[in-house]
Every structure is written in C-alpha cells, then in structure tokens.
Amino acid sequence: MSVGGDTPMNKRDIKRLRTMRYFIDAAQGILEEEGLDGLTIRRVADRAGYNSATIYSYFENLEHLAFYASLKYLKSYLVRLSAMTLPHNGLERFTAIWRCFAAEAFQYPDYYYNIFYAPHRFQFNDSIRLYYQIYPEQLENISEDLLPMLMGSNIYERDYESLRRCVDQGYFSADRIPEINDIVVLLFQSYLLRVRSGESDLPLEEHVDRIIRYFTAIIKGYICKARNPNPAQ
C-alpha cells in the first residue's frame, strides 16, 4: 500500500527513515513499560544507541518524538474499522465510526489525547505521512477507503465525510457541519480527559455507550424534521 506518493527514495532518505525508526522503536518501548511520563530524550537515545543530540536532527523536540511513538496505538482502531461493514445511513455510519474510535481511545487515553488534542507545533499531516513511510507494514489489512481520512486529516476534519453523508440524506444543511463538528470534537475531548484522569470507575463499554448517546442527541437536535421527517429513507 503506497503512502506519500510514488517518488523513489535515495539512499540518504532510506537511511534517515531507518534512523528515525530506531528512535521511535526505542520510544515505543518506553511507552509500553512506563507510559508518556517515562519518556525523555536521554532515555530514548540511550536505548537506541545514539547520543541525545542526534535525536534533534530527526525530531523537533520530545513532543514531536512522543507523537510519533503514540501513533502505534492507532493500529488496532484502523484494523477494527477496516473490518466493519459501515451502514449506508448517515447517522448510523457517523455513530458506528465514533463507537469504534471511542472504544480504542478510551482504552489508550493518554496516547489518543497526545495524537489528536495535544498542542502540536509541527506539521500534523506531514508527520502522519512520514510515520507510515517508516512503518508501511502498519497499513497492512487497512482498507484503501480509510487512507484519505488517515493521511490527510486532523481530529476536526476526520468526520467531515460522515457529516457530509448526513447532509446528502437530508438530516441537516451543509452550513451546519462546522458547528456540529466543533461540538462533537470538543465534547469528545472533555470526555477523553475524564477517562484519562480516572475520575470515573465505569467500565470502558459504558463510557463508549454514554459518548455515543451524547453524539446521537446532538445530531438529532439538528435534524431538519420539517423538511424531511424520514431522512434515512
């Protein structure tokens, strides 16, 4: 599966990606053992067998490296979503995608927050593309239909296609998409922080059910019932 274009890489590019992989592998090992709090430039460098200064030739800072290391945790979400038969109905499709995403995000809240909500000063999309050049095997068994969402989106753009489908089926007008998306994304951020803090001891599935109920209520509040009482038909 090709990512980032078909331009062949020269030896220097290949070496660069290989070295980045050493550092990311080392960082991911630390995440597995100790989480984000255990990640430092010195510890990653020591584990990878390089000096600390070398890391800054490949990553802007620790935040940038932590972002790359966290992307490993998207794999199970992408495999799960690829295996699903998504509904044609816009609202059902929207909630099915979010249910899948929430189940994975609530299982790994630190890493999903770090990927989608932490303030990034680097180019998000470019970093995503580069990561899958370094780890092309992580796209195995991933549906081609998911690549545009994966490669070209941040958290705000991620649901545009699903919301557009709702518009096409008469749920609401296109000018409502930015407002709905804002509400959904910010609500999910708040709920993810709740799960991340451990302030609630509810089982994971109950957290997923709750956020989906909230999202469904939001969408239904925008439905143009007067214009189309049966938008799914």
Protein backbone atom coordinates (compact mmCIF):
# COMPACT_ATOMS: atom_id res chain seq x y z
CA MET A 1 0.00 0.00 0.00
CA SER A 2 1.61 3.25 -1.10
CA VAL A 3 1.75 6.33 1.10
CA GLY A 4 3.11 9.77 0.42
CA GLY A 5 3.46 9.40 -3.34
CA ASP A 6 5.42 7.14 -5.65
CA THR A 7 8.72 9.09 -5.79
CA PRO A 8 11.54 6.59 -5.19
CA MET A 9 13.75 7.23 -2.17
CA ASN A 10 17.51 7.61 -2.45
CA LYS A 11 20.00 6.03 -0.03
CA ARG A 12 20.06 9.14 2.15
CA ASP A 13 16.26 9.07 2.54
CA ILE A 14 16.29 5.38 3.38
CA LYS A 15 18.99 5.89 5.99
CA ARG A 16 17.06 8.78 7.51
CA LEU A 17 13.87 6.74 7.83
CA ARG A 18 15.80 3.81 9.28
CA THR A 19 17.40 6.02 11.93
CA MET A 20 14.06 7.61 12.80
CA ARG A 21 12.66 4.14 13.25
CA TYR A 22 15.39 3.28 15.76
CA PHE A 23 14.38 6.25 17.87
CA ILE A 24 10.64 5.66 17.53
CA ASP A 25 11.04 1.97 18.38
CA ALA A 26 13.00 2.95 21.47
CA ALA A 27 10.35 5.50 22.47
CA GLN A 28 7.55 2.99 21.93
CA GLY A 29 9.38 0.51 24.15
CA ILE A 30 9.47 3.08 26.94
CA LEU A 31 5.78 3.85 26.44
CA GLU A 32 4.92 0.17 26.78
CA GLU A 33 6.85 -0.04 30.05
CA GLU A 34 6.21 3.32 31.70
CA GLY A 35 3.86 5.46 29.62
CA LEU A 36 4.43 9.01 28.44
CA ASP A 37 5.76 10.15 31.82
CA GLY A 38 8.78 7.89 31.41
CA LEU A 39 9.78 9.34 28.05
CA THR A 40 12.87 11.56 27.91
CA ILE A 41 15.30 12.39 25.14
CA ARG A 42 18.22 10.90 27.07
CA ARG A 43 16.45 7.61 27.76
CA VAL A 44 15.34 7.22 24.14
CA ALA A 45 18.86 7.98 22.90
CA ASP A 46 20.44 5.51 25.33
CA ARG A 47 18.03 2.76 24.31
CA ALA A 48 18.55 3.44 20.60
CA GLY A 49 22.34 3.54 20.97
CA TYR A 50 22.87 7.19 19.96
CA ASN A 51 23.73 10.39 21.78
CA SER A 52 20.93 12.75 22.74
CA ALA A 53 21.95 15.49 20.31
CA THR A 54 21.40 13.18 17.34
CA ILE A 55 17.67 12.97 18.05
CA TYR A 56 17.28 16.67 17.29
CA SER A 57 18.49 16.03 13.74
CA TYR A 58 15.35 13.96 13.18
CA PHE A 59 12.72 15.33 15.57
CA GLU A 60 11.94 18.89 16.58
CA ASN A 61 11.69 18.06 20.28
CA LEU A 62 10.46 15.43 22.74
CA GLU A 63 6.84 16.32 21.96
CA HIS A 64 7.42 15.52 18.29
CA LEU A 65 9.02 12.17 19.10
CA ALA A 66 6.23 11.33 21.57
CA PHE A 67 3.67 12.00 18.84
CA TYR A 68 5.35 9.52 16.50
CA ALA A 69 5.61 6.93 19.28
CA SER A 70 1.93 7.32 20.14
CA LEU A 71 0.80 6.61 16.56
CA LYS A 72 1.39 2.91 17.17
CA TYR A 73 -1.87 2.88 19.12
CA LEU A 74 -3.93 3.79 16.06
CA LYS A 75 -3.23 0.40 14.50
CA SER A 76 -5.91 -1.55 16.36
CA TYR A 77 -8.50 1.15 15.58
CA LEU A 78 -7.69 1.05 11.88
CA VAL A 79 -7.81 -2.74 11.72
CA ARG A 80 -11.11 -2.78 13.60
CA LEU A 81 -12.65 -0.09 11.41
CA SER A 82 -11.44 -1.79 8.22
CA ALA A 83 -13.19 -5.00 9.25
CA MET A 84 -16.53 -3.26 9.76
CA THR A 85 -19.33 -3.03 7.22
CA LEU A 86 -20.35 0.57 7.71
CA PRO A 87 -24.05 1.46 7.38
CA HIS A 88 -25.27 3.47 4.40
CA ASN A 89 -27.44 5.61 6.67
CA GLY A 90 -25.53 8.77 7.54
CA LEU A 91 -26.39 8.97 11.24
CA GLU A 92 -25.78 5.27 11.79
CA ARG A 93 -22.47 5.48 9.94
CA PHE A 94 -21.38 8.50 11.96
CA THR A 95 -22.11 6.79 15.28
CA ALA A 96 -20.55 3.47 14.17
CA ILE A 97 -17.25 5.18 13.30
CA TRP A 98 -17.26 7.12 16.56
CA ARG A 99 -18.11 4.00 18.58
CA CYS A 100 -15.11 2.23 17.09
CA PHE A 101 -12.86 5.25 17.68
CA ALA A 102 -14.08 5.81 21.25
CA ALA A 103 -13.55 2.17 22.21
CA GLU A 104 -9.89 2.41 21.22
CA ALA A 105 -9.34 5.94 22.51
CA PHE A 106 -10.77 5.13 25.94
CA GLN A 107 -8.53 2.08 26.14
CA TYR A 108 -5.43 4.20 25.42
CA PRO A 109 -6.50 7.69 26.53
CA ASP A 110 -3.00 9.15 27.05
CA TYR A 111 -1.88 8.28 23.55
CA TYR A 112 -5.07 9.31 21.76
CA TYR A 113 -5.05 12.60 23.60
CA ASN A 114 -1.41 13.09 22.64
CA ILE A 115 -2.16 12.40 18.98
CA PHE A 116 -5.36 14.36 18.50
CA TYR A 117 -5.60 17.02 21.21
CA ALA A 118 -2.14 17.93 22.49
CA PRO A 119 -0.92 21.26 21.05
CA HIS A 120 1.40 20.39 18.15
CA ARG A 121 3.80 22.94 16.72
CA PHE A 122 4.89 20.62 13.91
CA GLN A 123 3.01 19.76 10.70
CA PHE A 124 0.44 17.15 11.73
CA ASN A 125 -0.38 15.76 8.29
CA ASP A 126 3.25 15.62 7.17
CA SER A 127 4.18 13.73 10.32
CA ILE A 128 1.38 11.20 9.79
CA ARG A 129 2.51 10.55 6.23
CA LEU A 130 6.14 10.19 7.24
CA TYR A 131 5.25 7.78 10.03
CA TYR A 132 3.61 5.39 7.55
CA GLN A 133 6.62 5.64 5.28
CA ILE A 134 8.69 4.48 8.23
CA TYR A 135 6.15 1.79 9.21
CA PRO A 136 4.39 0.76 5.96
CA GLU A 137 3.59 -2.64 7.47
CA GLN A 138 1.16 -0.94 9.87
CA LEU A 139 -1.11 -0.27 6.89
CA GLU A 140 -1.42 -3.95 6.04
CA ASN A 141 -5.06 -5.10 6.06
CA ILE A 142 -6.21 -1.46 6.22
CA SER A 143 -8.95 -0.55 3.77
CA GLU A 144 -7.90 1.78 0.95
CA ASP A 145 -11.06 3.79 1.65
CA LEU A 146 -9.63 4.82 5.02
CA LEU A 147 -6.38 6.26 3.70
CA PRO A 148 -7.69 9.77 2.89
CA MET A 149 -9.08 10.05 6.43
CA LEU A 150 -5.87 8.69 7.91
CA MET A 151 -3.35 10.64 5.85
CA GLY A 152 -4.98 13.99 5.34
CA SER A 153 -6.90 14.79 8.46
CA ASN A 154 -6.72 16.14 11.94
CA ILE A 155 -9.42 15.48 14.52
CA TYR A 156 -11.62 18.30 13.18
CA GLU A 157 -11.53 17.08 9.58
CA ARG A 158 -11.90 13.41 10.43
CA ASP A 159 -15.71 13.32 10.47
CA TYR A 160 -16.39 15.57 7.51
CA GLU A 161 -17.25 12.70 5.16
CA SER A 162 -19.72 11.16 7.62
CA LEU A 163 -21.38 14.51 8.29
CA ARG A 164 -21.50 15.21 4.55
CA ARG A 165 -23.37 11.94 4.10
CA CYS A 166 -25.93 13.16 6.67
CA VAL A 167 -26.35 16.33 4.60
CA ASP A 168 -26.83 14.32 1.40
CA GLN A 169 -29.54 12.28 3.12
CA GLY A 170 -31.37 15.38 4.32
CA TYR A 171 -30.57 15.36 8.01
CA PHE A 172 -29.36 18.97 8.08
CA SER A 173 -27.89 21.62 5.80
CA ALA A 174 -24.20 21.77 4.86
CA ASP A 175 -23.65 25.03 6.71
CA ARG A 176 -24.29 23.15 9.98
CA ILE A 177 -21.30 20.84 9.56
CA PRO A 178 -18.63 23.13 11.15
CA GLU A 179 -20.85 23.82 14.16
CA ILE A 180 -21.77 20.17 14.72
CA ASN A 181 -18.17 19.09 14.25
CA ASP A 182 -16.95 21.64 16.78
CA ILE A 183 -19.44 20.47 19.39
CA VAL A 184 -18.68 16.79 18.85
CA VAL A 185 -14.89 17.19 18.85
CA LEU A 186 -14.84 19.40 21.94
CA LEU A 187 -17.25 17.13 23.81
CA PHE A 188 -15.10 14.12 22.99
CA GLN A 189 -12.01 15.97 24.21
CA SER A 190 -13.72 16.69 27.52
CA TYR A 191 -14.88 13.10 27.90
CA LEU A 192 -11.47 11.72 26.95
CA LEU A 193 -9.91 13.87 29.67
CA ARG A 194 -12.40 12.39 32.15
CA VAL A 195 -11.42 8.87 31.18
CA ARG A 196 -7.73 9.80 31.18
CA SER A 197 -7.91 11.22 34.70
CA GLY A 198 -9.51 8.05 36.04
CA GLU A 199 -12.13 10.07 37.88
CA SER A 200 -14.83 7.59 36.86
CA ASP A 201 -14.63 3.87 37.53
CA LEU A 202 -17.24 2.98 34.91
CA PRO A 203 -16.32 0.09 32.61
CA LEU A 204 -14.96 1.08 29.22
CA GLU A 205 -18.07 -0.03 27.33
CA GLU A 206 -20.29 2.18 29.47
CA HIS A 207 -18.09 5.19 28.66
CA VAL A 208 -18.45 4.34 24.96
CA ASP A 209 -22.22 3.98 25.24
CA ARG A 210 -22.50 7.32 27.01
CA ILE A 211 -20.50 9.32 24.48
CA ILE A 212 -22.46 7.77 21.61
CA ARG A 213 -25.74 8.70 23.32
CA TYR A 214 -24.50 12.27 23.66
CA PHE A 215 -23.44 12.42 20.00
CA THR A 216 -26.74 10.96 18.81
CA ALA A 217 -28.67 13.54 20.82
CA ILE A 218 -26.57 16.35 19.32
CA ILE A 219 -27.14 15.18 15.75
CA LYS A 220 -30.86 14.66 16.32
CA GLY A 221 -31.09 18.21 17.62
CA TYR A 222 -30.03 19.44 14.18
CA ILE A 223 -32.29 17.21 12.09
CA CYS A 224 -34.46 19.15 9.66
CA LYS A 225 -37.67 17.34 10.57
CA ALA A 226 -39.92 19.83 8.89
CA ARG A 227 -38.19 19.40 5.54
CA ASN A 228 -37.60 15.65 5.74
CA PRO A 229 -39.32 13.70 8.52
CA ASN A 230 -37.68 10.44 7.37
CA PRO A 231 -34.12 11.41 6.40
CA ALA A 232 -32.86 7.82 6.39
CA GLN A 233 -35.13 6.90 3.52
